N, C-alpha and C. Protein backbone atom coordinates (compact mmCIF):
# COMPACT_ATOMS: atom_id res chain seq x y z
N UNK A 1 10.04 14.83 13.31
CA UNK A 1 9.20 13.95 13.80
C UNK A 1 9.73 12.57 13.56
N UNK A 2 10.57 12.31 12.65
CA UNK A 2 11.22 11.12 12.51
C UNK A 2 11.86 10.88 13.47
N UNK A 3 12.80 11.79 14.07
CA UNK A 3 13.46 11.58 15.17
C UNK A 3 12.58 11.20 16.56
N UNK A 4 11.50 11.73 16.54
CA UNK A 4 10.58 11.41 17.47
C UNK A 4 9.69 9.91 17.79
N UNK A 5 9.83 9.58 16.49
CA UNK A 5 9.43 7.97 16.04
C UNK A 5 10.38 7.17 16.35
N UNK A 6 11.66 7.65 16.07
CA UNK A 6 12.72 6.44 16.36
C UNK A 6 12.97 6.75 17.93
N UNK A 7 12.90 7.98 18.50
CA UNK A 7 13.18 8.01 19.96
C UNK A 7 12.20 7.40 20.71
N UNK A 8 10.76 7.46 20.49
CA UNK A 8 9.93 6.82 21.11
C UNK A 8 10.20 5.00 21.04
N UNK A 9 10.58 4.70 19.83
CA UNK A 9 10.86 3.14 19.67
C UNK A 9 11.88 2.79 20.37
N UNK A 10 13.00 3.71 20.62
CA UNK A 10 14.26 3.25 21.20
C UNK A 10 13.91 3.39 22.86
N UNK A 11 13.22 4.56 23.39
CA UNK A 11 12.68 4.53 24.70
C UNK A 11 11.88 3.43 25.08
N UNK A 12 11.00 2.84 24.41
CA UNK A 12 10.34 1.68 24.67
C UNK A 12 11.21 0.43 24.66
N UNK A 13 12.20 0.40 23.77
CA UNK A 13 12.78 -0.92 23.71
C UNK A 13 13.76 -0.93 24.83
N UNK A 14 14.42 0.01 25.22
CA UNK A 14 15.43 0.25 26.50
C UNK A 14 14.78 0.13 27.76
N UNK A 15 13.56 0.80 27.86
CA UNK A 15 12.88 0.66 28.97
C UNK A 15 11.93 -0.66 29.30
N UNK A 16 11.81 -1.53 28.23
CA UNK A 16 11.22 -2.59 28.51
C UNK A 16 9.89 -2.32 28.61
N UNK A 17 9.18 -1.35 27.75
CA UNK A 17 8.00 -1.36 27.57
C UNK A 17 7.27 -2.30 26.84
N UNK A 18 6.00 -2.51 27.08
CA UNK A 18 5.22 -3.59 26.39
C UNK A 18 5.08 -3.26 24.97
N UNK A 19 4.99 -4.55 24.18
CA UNK A 19 4.71 -4.06 22.59
C UNK A 19 3.23 -3.39 22.51
N UNK A 20 2.54 -3.85 23.43
CA UNK A 20 1.00 -3.24 23.54
C UNK A 20 1.48 -1.64 23.56
N UNK A 21 1.93 -1.04 24.50
CA UNK A 21 2.36 0.15 24.62
C UNK A 21 2.73 0.97 23.47
N UNK A 22 3.77 0.26 22.64
CA UNK A 22 4.73 0.57 21.63
C UNK A 22 3.53 0.51 20.41
N UNK A 23 2.82 -0.21 20.39
CA UNK A 23 1.89 -0.35 19.09
C UNK A 23 0.68 0.58 19.45
N UNK A 24 0.39 1.12 20.44
CA UNK A 24 -0.70 2.08 20.99
C UNK A 24 -0.12 3.14 20.62
N UNK A 25 1.08 3.44 20.85
CA UNK A 25 2.02 4.85 20.44
C UNK A 25 2.10 4.91 19.24
N UNK A 26 2.29 3.91 18.56
CA UNK A 26 2.42 4.17 17.03
C UNK A 26 1.08 4.46 16.40
N UNK A 27 0.20 3.71 16.90
CA UNK A 27 -1.38 4.14 16.45
C UNK A 27 -1.58 5.64 16.54
N UNK A 28 -1.39 6.21 17.51
CA UNK A 28 -1.87 7.51 17.81
C UNK A 28 -1.00 8.44 16.83
N UNK A 29 -0.04 7.77 16.23
CA UNK A 29 0.57 8.78 15.01
C UNK A 29 -0.32 8.63 13.79
N UNK A 30 -1.27 7.60 13.61
CA UNK A 30 -2.11 7.70 12.37
C UNK A 30 -3.41 8.65 12.31
N UNK A 31 -3.38 9.39 13.78
CA UNK A 31 -4.60 10.30 13.92
C UNK A 31 -4.13 11.53 13.70
N UNK A 32 -3.00 11.94 13.77
CA UNK A 32 -2.53 13.27 13.58
C UNK A 32 -0.95 13.39 13.08
N UNK A 33 -0.73 14.41 12.73
CA UNK A 33 0.61 14.58 12.10
C UNK A 33 0.53 14.95 10.56
N UNK A 34 1.71 14.92 10.16
CA UNK A 34 2.01 15.27 8.49
C UNK A 34 1.55 14.08 8.00
N UNK A 35 1.46 14.15 6.60
CA UNK A 35 1.18 13.05 5.81
C UNK A 35 2.34 11.95 5.74
N UNK A 36 3.29 12.40 5.83
CA UNK A 36 4.60 11.44 6.09
C UNK A 36 4.33 10.56 7.13
N UNK A 37 3.99 11.41 8.58
CA UNK A 37 4.25 10.51 9.37
C UNK A 37 2.95 9.81 9.69
N UNK A 38 1.87 10.13 9.06
CA UNK A 38 0.63 9.28 9.14
C UNK A 38 0.87 7.95 8.32
N UNK A 39 1.65 8.28 7.03
CA UNK A 39 1.89 7.08 6.21
C UNK A 39 3.04 6.24 7.09
N UNK A 40 3.85 6.83 7.68
CA UNK A 40 4.73 5.69 8.18
C UNK A 40 4.31 5.06 9.37
N UNK A 41 3.31 5.60 10.08
CA UNK A 41 2.91 4.82 11.36
C UNK A 41 1.77 3.62 10.68
N UNK A 42 1.06 3.98 9.59
CA UNK A 42 0.25 2.88 9.04
C UNK A 42 1.26 1.96 8.30
N UNK A 43 2.12 2.08 7.66
CA UNK A 43 3.17 0.98 7.21
C UNK A 43 3.87 0.24 8.21
N UNK A 44 4.15 0.91 9.36
CA UNK A 44 4.74 0.08 10.32
C UNK A 44 3.67 -0.94 11.07
N UNK A 45 2.62 -0.19 11.08
CA UNK A 45 1.71 -1.08 11.88
C UNK A 45 1.18 -2.38 10.89
N UNK A 46 1.33 -2.06 9.48
CA UNK A 46 1.20 -3.27 8.56
C UNK A 46 2.32 -4.18 8.81
N UNK A 47 3.06 -4.13 9.37
CA UNK A 47 4.41 -5.06 9.19
C UNK A 47 4.56 -5.84 10.75
N UNK A 48 3.62 -5.07 11.81
CA UNK A 48 3.93 -6.00 13.26
C UNK A 48 2.54 -6.43 13.60
N UNK A 49 2.71 -7.49 14.42
CA UNK A 49 1.58 -8.19 15.23
C UNK A 49 0.61 -7.22 15.95
N UNK A 50 -0.68 -7.37 15.47
CA UNK A 50 -1.92 -6.43 16.21
C UNK A 50 -2.56 -7.45 16.86
N UNK A 51 -2.87 -6.98 18.17
CA UNK A 51 -3.86 -7.57 19.21
C UNK A 51 -5.56 -7.30 18.48
N UNK A 52 -6.20 -8.31 18.75
CA UNK A 52 -7.61 -8.19 18.44
C UNK A 52 -8.34 -7.08 18.81
N UNK A 53 -8.11 -6.56 20.05
CA UNK A 53 -8.66 -5.26 20.75
C UNK A 53 -8.32 -4.19 19.76
N UNK A 54 -6.77 -3.92 19.70
CA UNK A 54 -6.70 -2.81 18.59
C UNK A 54 -7.27 -2.78 17.39
N UNK A 55 -7.37 -4.03 16.55
CA UNK A 55 -8.04 -4.06 15.42
C UNK A 55 -9.28 -3.79 15.24
N UNK A 56 -9.98 -4.09 16.46
CA UNK A 56 -11.51 -3.74 16.70
C UNK A 56 -11.48 -2.17 16.69
N UNK A 57 -10.69 -1.60 17.49
CA UNK A 57 -10.54 -0.03 17.67
C UNK A 57 -10.27 0.55 16.23
N UNK A 58 -9.38 0.19 15.64
CA UNK A 58 -9.22 0.67 14.34
C UNK A 58 -10.27 0.43 13.28
N UNK A 59 -10.88 -0.62 13.39
CA UNK A 59 -11.99 -0.76 12.50
C UNK A 59 -13.25 0.23 12.58
N UNK A 60 -13.26 0.35 14.15
CA UNK A 60 -14.29 1.59 14.42
C UNK A 60 -13.78 2.85 14.03
N UNK A 61 -12.51 3.11 13.79
CA UNK A 61 -11.82 4.39 13.77
C UNK A 61 -11.92 4.60 11.94
N UNK A 62 -11.80 3.21 11.28
CA UNK A 62 -11.98 3.31 9.98
C UNK A 62 -13.21 3.67 9.47
N UNK A 63 -14.41 3.24 10.10
CA UNK A 63 -15.76 3.41 9.81
C UNK A 63 -16.19 4.94 9.98
N UNK A 64 -15.68 5.71 10.92
CA UNK A 64 -15.77 6.94 11.37
C UNK A 64 -14.97 7.69 10.41
N UNK A 65 -14.02 7.48 9.59
CA UNK A 65 -13.12 8.21 8.90
C UNK A 65 -13.76 8.84 7.86
N UNK A 66 -13.40 10.03 7.63
CA UNK A 66 -14.14 11.01 6.50
C UNK A 66 -13.03 11.32 5.46
N UNK A 67 -11.79 11.25 5.87
CA UNK A 67 -10.42 11.60 4.86
C UNK A 67 -10.20 10.29 3.95
N UNK A 68 -10.57 10.53 2.72
CA UNK A 68 -10.45 9.36 1.88
C UNK A 68 -8.98 8.79 1.74
N UNK A 69 -8.16 9.99 1.96
CA UNK A 69 -6.67 9.20 1.67
C UNK A 69 -6.30 8.33 2.96
N UNK A 70 -6.71 8.83 4.07
CA UNK A 70 -6.57 8.07 5.42
C UNK A 70 -7.26 6.79 5.49
N UNK A 71 -8.59 6.86 4.85
CA UNK A 71 -9.51 5.67 4.94
C UNK A 71 -8.50 4.65 3.97
N UNK A 72 -7.93 5.18 2.75
CA UNK A 72 -7.23 3.92 1.88
C UNK A 72 -6.03 3.55 2.76
N UNK A 73 -5.49 4.30 3.51
CA UNK A 73 -4.28 3.81 4.49
C UNK A 73 -4.71 2.73 5.34
N UNK A 74 -5.97 2.93 5.79
CA UNK A 74 -6.87 1.89 6.72
C UNK A 74 -6.90 0.68 6.18
N UNK A 75 -7.38 0.73 4.85
CA UNK A 75 -7.50 -0.41 3.81
C UNK A 75 -6.38 -1.21 3.45
N UNK A 76 -5.29 -0.19 3.22
CA UNK A 76 -4.38 -0.95 2.84
C UNK A 76 -3.47 -1.60 4.05
N UNK A 77 -3.68 -1.16 5.31
CA UNK A 77 -3.26 -1.89 6.47
C UNK A 77 -4.34 -3.00 6.94
N UNK A 78 -5.31 -3.23 6.54
CA UNK A 78 -6.29 -4.24 6.99
C UNK A 78 -5.96 -5.15 5.92
N UNK A 79 -5.67 -4.74 4.42
CA UNK A 79 -5.57 -5.69 3.59
C UNK A 79 -4.49 -6.71 3.74
N UNK A 80 -3.21 -5.91 4.18
CA UNK A 80 -2.07 -6.62 4.48
C UNK A 80 -1.96 -7.40 5.78
N UNK A 81 -2.65 -6.70 6.85
CA UNK A 81 -2.48 -7.38 8.12
C UNK A 81 -3.21 -8.57 8.50
N UNK A 82 -4.71 -8.18 8.30
CA UNK A 82 -5.76 -9.14 8.58
C UNK A 82 -6.46 -9.87 7.49
N UNK A 83 -6.11 -9.51 6.15
CA UNK A 83 -6.36 -10.09 5.21
C UNK A 83 -7.61 -10.51 4.94
N UNK A 84 -8.64 -9.66 5.50
CA UNK A 84 -10.14 -9.90 5.17
C UNK A 84 -10.56 -9.39 3.94
N UNK A 85 -11.49 -10.04 3.31
CA UNK A 85 -11.86 -9.66 1.77
C UNK A 85 -12.59 -8.43 1.77
N UNK A 86 -13.17 -8.10 2.46
CA UNK A 86 -14.02 -6.81 2.51
C UNK A 86 -12.71 -5.60 2.38
N UNK A 87 -11.87 -5.70 3.00
CA UNK A 87 -10.95 -4.63 3.17
C UNK A 87 -9.77 -4.74 2.06
N UNK A 88 -9.61 -5.95 1.58
CA UNK A 88 -8.83 -6.23 0.38
C UNK A 88 -9.40 -5.71 -1.01
N UNK A 89 -11.06 -5.86 -1.03
CA UNK A 89 -11.56 -5.30 -1.75
C UNK A 89 -11.58 -4.05 -2.04
N UNK A 90 -11.95 -3.30 -1.05
CA UNK A 90 -11.73 -1.96 -0.89
C UNK A 90 -10.59 -1.16 -1.18
N UNK A 91 -9.50 -1.72 -0.75
CA UNK A 91 -8.02 -1.45 -0.97
C UNK A 91 -7.75 -1.15 -2.53
N UNK A 92 -8.28 -2.47 -3.22
CA UNK A 92 -7.95 -2.53 -4.71
C UNK A 92 -8.99 -1.61 -5.34
N UNK A 93 -10.07 -1.61 -5.21
CA UNK A 93 -11.04 -0.86 -5.55
C UNK A 93 -10.58 0.90 -5.47
N UNK A 94 -10.22 1.16 -4.40
CA UNK A 94 -9.87 2.61 -4.09
C UNK A 94 -8.54 3.00 -4.37
N UNK A 95 -7.64 1.83 -5.00
CA UNK A 95 -6.40 2.36 -5.52
C UNK A 95 -6.42 3.32 -6.58
N UNK A 96 -7.48 3.12 -7.57
CA UNK A 96 -7.44 4.11 -8.62
C UNK A 96 -7.70 5.34 -8.28
N UNK A 97 -8.44 5.86 -7.06
CA UNK A 97 -8.29 7.39 -6.65
C UNK A 97 -7.52 7.48 -5.80
N UNK A 98 -6.16 6.92 -5.71
CA UNK A 98 -5.25 7.09 -4.71
C UNK A 98 -4.02 6.91 -5.49
N UNK A 99 -3.87 6.98 -6.68
CA UNK A 99 -2.35 7.28 -7.46
C UNK A 99 -1.52 8.00 -6.96
N UNK A 100 -1.47 9.44 -6.36
CA UNK A 100 -0.52 10.31 -5.53
C UNK A 100 -0.06 9.18 -4.23
N UNK A 101 -0.79 8.32 -3.60
CA UNK A 101 -0.20 7.75 -2.41
C UNK A 101 0.53 6.50 -3.19
N UNK A 102 0.16 5.75 -4.15
CA UNK A 102 0.73 4.64 -4.67
C UNK A 102 1.85 5.00 -5.41
N UNK A 103 1.94 6.30 -5.85
CA UNK A 103 3.23 6.43 -6.80
C UNK A 103 4.28 7.46 -5.96
N UNK A 104 4.09 7.87 -4.53
CA UNK A 104 4.85 8.51 -3.74
C UNK A 104 5.33 7.83 -2.51
N UNK A 105 6.42 7.66 -2.41
CA UNK A 105 7.16 6.65 -1.28
C UNK A 105 7.33 7.87 -0.18
N UNK A 106 6.32 8.61 0.16
CA UNK A 106 6.63 9.86 1.19
C UNK A 106 6.33 9.11 2.52
N UNK A 107 7.52 8.49 3.10
CA UNK A 107 7.17 8.19 4.41
C UNK A 107 8.60 8.07 4.98
N UNK A 108 8.61 7.72 6.28
CA UNK A 108 10.18 7.45 7.06
C UNK A 108 10.66 5.96 6.93
N UNK A 109 9.65 5.22 6.51
CA UNK A 109 9.81 3.65 6.06
C UNK A 109 10.66 3.75 4.97
N UNK A 110 11.84 2.93 5.40
CA UNK A 110 12.97 2.85 4.34
C UNK A 110 12.45 1.77 3.41
N UNK A 111 12.77 1.90 2.21
CA UNK A 111 12.22 1.01 1.23
C UNK A 111 12.47 1.71 -0.12
N UNK A 112 12.66 0.83 -1.18
CA UNK A 112 13.35 1.53 -2.37
C UNK A 112 11.90 2.09 -3.07
N UNK A 113 10.72 1.25 -3.20
CA UNK A 113 9.59 1.75 -3.42
C UNK A 113 8.37 1.72 -2.66
N UNK A 114 7.58 2.28 -3.09
CA UNK A 114 6.28 2.50 -2.16
C UNK A 114 5.64 1.02 -1.70
N UNK A 115 5.52 0.77 -0.17
CA UNK A 115 5.07 -0.44 -0.06
C UNK A 115 3.59 -0.87 -0.23
N UNK A 116 2.76 0.32 -0.44
CA UNK A 116 1.39 0.24 -0.54
C UNK A 116 1.01 -0.25 -2.09
N UNK A 117 2.23 0.49 -3.16
CA UNK A 117 2.18 0.08 -4.54
C UNK A 117 2.80 -1.50 -4.55
N UNK A 118 3.72 -2.18 -3.69
CA UNK A 118 3.98 -3.20 -3.83
C UNK A 118 2.81 -4.40 -3.30
N UNK A 119 1.76 -3.82 -2.23
CA UNK A 119 0.81 -4.65 -2.07
C UNK A 119 -0.03 -4.69 -3.10
N UNK A 120 -0.26 -3.77 -3.72
CA UNK A 120 -1.31 -3.55 -5.10
C UNK A 120 -0.56 -4.59 -5.86
N UNK A 121 0.39 -4.52 -6.29
CA UNK A 121 1.39 -5.43 -7.21
C UNK A 121 1.10 -6.93 -7.07
N UNK A 122 0.92 -7.12 -5.48
CA UNK A 122 0.94 -8.58 -5.21
C UNK A 122 -0.48 -9.06 -5.53
N UNK A 123 -1.30 -8.27 -5.23
CA UNK A 123 -2.92 -8.48 -5.50
C UNK A 123 -3.15 -8.61 -7.22
N UNK A 124 -2.42 -7.77 -8.05
CA UNK A 124 -2.55 -7.94 -9.11
C UNK A 124 -2.40 -9.12 -9.87
N UNK A 125 -1.62 -10.20 -9.41
CA UNK A 125 -1.36 -11.53 -9.86
C UNK A 125 -2.63 -12.17 -10.23
N UNK A 126 -3.69 -11.88 -9.16
CA UNK A 126 -5.13 -12.62 -9.20
C UNK A 126 -6.40 -11.99 -9.26
N UNK A 127 -6.27 -10.46 -8.88
CA UNK A 127 -7.16 -9.56 -9.27
C UNK A 127 -7.22 -8.91 -10.58
N UNK A 128 -8.23 -8.77 -11.22
CA UNK A 128 -8.27 -8.09 -12.31
C UNK A 128 -8.49 -6.52 -12.10
N UNK A 129 -9.13 -5.97 -11.25
CA UNK A 129 -9.22 -4.76 -10.87
C UNK A 129 -7.56 -4.12 -10.50
N UNK A 130 -7.08 -4.95 -9.76
CA UNK A 130 -5.54 -4.51 -9.50
C UNK A 130 -4.83 -4.47 -10.59
N UNK A 131 -4.91 -5.57 -11.53
CA UNK A 131 -4.19 -5.36 -12.52
C UNK A 131 -4.47 -4.40 -13.53
N UNK A 132 -6.00 -3.82 -13.72
CA UNK A 132 -6.09 -2.69 -14.23
C UNK A 132 -5.50 -1.34 -13.57
N UNK A 133 -5.67 -1.26 -12.42
CA UNK A 133 -4.83 -0.28 -11.91
C UNK A 133 -3.33 -0.09 -12.26
N UNK A 134 -2.70 -1.07 -12.05
CA UNK A 134 -1.22 -1.39 -12.23
C UNK A 134 -1.15 -0.79 -13.84
N UNK A 135 -1.93 -1.28 -14.53
CA UNK A 135 -1.81 -0.99 -16.23
C UNK A 135 -1.96 0.75 -16.27
N UNK A 136 -3.08 1.35 -15.59
CA UNK A 136 -3.08 2.85 -15.63
C UNK A 136 -1.75 3.40 -15.14
N UNK A 137 -1.52 2.93 -13.92
CA UNK A 137 -0.30 3.38 -13.28
C UNK A 137 1.00 3.34 -13.96
N UNK A 138 1.23 2.46 -14.88
CA UNK A 138 2.30 2.25 -15.81
C UNK A 138 2.54 3.51 -16.71
N UNK A 139 1.23 4.12 -17.10
CA UNK A 139 1.24 5.43 -17.78
C UNK A 139 1.93 6.39 -17.07
N UNK A 140 1.96 6.79 -15.67
CA UNK A 140 2.30 7.91 -15.06
C UNK A 140 3.64 7.52 -14.07
N UNK A 141 3.65 6.33 -13.92
CA UNK A 141 4.95 6.09 -13.08
C UNK A 141 6.48 6.30 -13.65
N UNK A 142 7.29 6.47 -12.72
CA UNK A 142 8.50 6.60 -13.30
C UNK A 142 9.64 6.22 -12.21
N UNK A 143 10.92 5.73 -12.38
CA UNK A 143 11.81 5.46 -11.49
C UNK A 143 11.56 3.89 -10.89
N UNK A 144 11.69 3.82 -9.76
CA UNK A 144 11.48 2.67 -9.01
C UNK A 144 10.13 2.22 -9.03
N UNK A 145 9.31 3.13 -8.93
CA UNK A 145 7.95 2.62 -8.86
C UNK A 145 7.46 1.85 -10.47
N UNK A 146 8.09 2.65 -11.41
CA UNK A 146 7.84 2.07 -12.61
C UNK A 146 8.34 0.60 -12.62
N UNK A 147 9.48 0.41 -12.01
CA UNK A 147 10.12 -0.69 -12.23
C UNK A 147 9.27 -1.69 -11.39
N UNK A 148 8.71 -1.44 -10.11
CA UNK A 148 8.08 -2.60 -9.69
C UNK A 148 6.81 -2.87 -10.35
N UNK A 149 6.17 -1.92 -10.85
CA UNK A 149 5.06 -2.12 -11.82
C UNK A 149 5.17 -2.85 -13.03
N UNK A 150 6.53 -2.68 -13.63
CA UNK A 150 6.96 -3.50 -14.81
C UNK A 150 7.14 -4.85 -14.60
N UNK A 151 7.96 -5.06 -13.50
CA UNK A 151 8.34 -6.22 -12.80
C UNK A 151 6.82 -7.01 -12.60
N UNK A 152 5.95 -6.46 -12.30
CA UNK A 152 4.77 -7.29 -11.87
C UNK A 152 4.06 -7.63 -13.11
N UNK A 153 3.99 -6.50 -13.85
CA UNK A 153 3.47 -6.83 -15.48
C UNK A 153 3.96 -7.89 -16.13
N UNK A 154 5.46 -7.82 -16.06
CA UNK A 154 6.17 -9.04 -16.79
C UNK A 154 5.94 -10.28 -16.15
N UNK A 155 5.85 -10.59 -15.05
CA UNK A 155 5.30 -11.78 -14.20
C UNK A 155 4.13 -12.41 -14.53
N UNK A 156 3.16 -11.44 -14.62
CA UNK A 156 1.84 -11.74 -14.96
C UNK A 156 1.81 -12.08 -16.55
N UNK A 157 2.33 -11.39 -17.24
CA UNK A 157 2.54 -11.56 -18.95
C UNK A 157 3.34 -13.00 -19.19
N UNK A 158 4.10 -13.29 -18.43
CA UNK A 158 4.61 -14.47 -18.49
C UNK A 158 3.76 -15.77 -18.05
N UNK A 159 2.83 -15.70 -17.01
CA UNK A 159 2.02 -16.94 -16.52
C UNK A 159 0.94 -16.61 -17.49
N UNK A 160 0.32 -15.52 -17.63
CA UNK A 160 -1.05 -15.25 -18.12
C UNK A 160 -1.09 -14.28 -19.36
N UNK A 161 -0.43 -14.41 -20.08
CA UNK A 161 -0.38 -13.34 -21.35
C UNK A 161 -1.71 -12.75 -21.78
N UNK A 162 -2.59 -13.96 -22.03
CA UNK A 162 -4.15 -13.62 -22.48
C UNK A 162 -4.68 -12.47 -21.45
N UNK A 163 -4.61 -12.80 -20.16
CA UNK A 163 -5.16 -11.86 -19.18
C UNK A 163 -4.86 -10.31 -19.30
N UNK A 164 -3.47 -10.31 -19.55
CA UNK A 164 -2.89 -9.00 -19.48
C UNK A 164 -3.32 -8.22 -20.86
N UNK A 165 -3.23 -9.08 -21.91
CA UNK A 165 -3.61 -8.39 -23.29
C UNK A 165 -5.19 -8.07 -23.27
N UNK A 166 -6.20 -8.95 -22.72
CA UNK A 166 -7.42 -8.65 -22.65
C UNK A 166 -7.90 -7.30 -21.91
N UNK A 167 -7.09 -7.37 -20.61
CA UNK A 167 -7.14 -6.08 -19.56
C UNK A 167 -6.94 -4.90 -20.52
N UNK A 168 -5.81 -4.89 -21.07
CA UNK A 168 -5.19 -3.88 -21.69
C UNK A 168 -6.28 -3.33 -22.69
N UNK A 169 -6.77 -4.47 -23.35
CA UNK A 169 -7.60 -3.74 -24.48
C UNK A 169 -8.96 -3.51 -23.76
N UNK A 170 -9.45 -4.21 -23.09
CA UNK A 170 -10.59 -3.70 -22.26
C UNK A 170 -10.68 -2.25 -21.88
N UNK A 171 -9.39 -1.80 -21.30
CA UNK A 171 -9.30 -0.42 -21.09
C UNK A 171 -8.84 0.31 -21.91
N UNK A 172 -8.73 -0.16 -23.33
CA UNK A 172 -8.23 0.74 -24.31
C UNK A 172 -7.01 1.48 -24.29
N UNK A 173 -6.03 0.55 -23.75
CA UNK A 173 -4.53 0.88 -23.70
C UNK A 173 -3.79 0.25 -24.70
N UNK A 174 -2.77 1.09 -25.15
CA UNK A 174 -1.99 0.46 -26.13
C UNK A 174 -1.06 -0.69 -26.00
N UNK A 175 -1.30 -1.81 -26.10
CA UNK A 175 -0.40 -2.88 -25.43
C UNK A 175 0.83 -2.87 -26.11
N UNK A 176 1.09 -2.34 -27.18
CA UNK A 176 2.41 -2.24 -27.51
C UNK A 176 3.20 -1.40 -26.64
N UNK A 177 2.56 -0.20 -26.28
CA UNK A 177 3.51 0.49 -25.49
C UNK A 177 3.70 -0.07 -23.91
N UNK A 178 2.85 -1.00 -23.56
CA UNK A 178 2.79 -1.50 -22.30
C UNK A 178 4.03 -2.65 -22.61
N UNK A 179 3.82 -3.55 -23.47
CA UNK A 179 4.84 -4.35 -23.75
C UNK A 179 6.39 -3.58 -24.04
N UNK A 180 6.32 -2.67 -24.44
CA UNK A 180 7.76 -2.28 -24.61
C UNK A 180 8.33 -1.35 -23.10
N UNK A 181 7.29 -0.94 -22.39
CA UNK A 181 7.75 -0.59 -21.05
C UNK A 181 8.15 -1.77 -20.25
N UNK A 182 7.42 -3.20 -20.22
CA UNK A 182 8.11 -4.21 -19.70
C UNK A 182 9.11 -4.57 -20.27
N UNK A 183 9.52 -4.49 -21.38
CA UNK A 183 10.95 -4.88 -21.82
C UNK A 183 11.96 -3.91 -21.47
N UNK A 184 11.56 -2.72 -21.35
CA UNK A 184 12.72 -1.67 -20.89
C UNK A 184 12.76 -1.30 -19.54
N UNK A 185 11.71 -1.92 -18.71
CA UNK A 185 11.56 -1.59 -17.23
C UNK A 185 12.29 -2.38 -16.36
């Protein structure tokens, strides 16, 4: 399927097909395929300009969606691309129920860490729920994802040490272990 996505992209570019056609074709991959293909399509769409018509279609599809993982991917897309408060709030809130998606970089998108986790890390700088989720993720994460998490936590700790410590205490997490992770991560 990776080859199909690349082939589709190349055919559209070489044949001069419009961005609209390419985006609509990419959106069709969010509706079917393996988890890896679906995630790839959502990540790609979150990184390109979307027209209002397609955003309206996506919002309707989001409202009808029953699969919680796919609904979370829509929230990621909307939080990143259109940045409307209800979708950002839903993305942050539902992050706790989607640890496997946050900690798994299972897509054809080439990146060191999960782009979905990276967006949550950005929101953690101002959103306490996102910060709480990062603190919980630090317990289960490893490798690059742990590095992304600890880097974000270090940045928050440098600017707002009390905020991080209060949140860790509120969640009954061992602040010393978190500080050690940040030091080693």
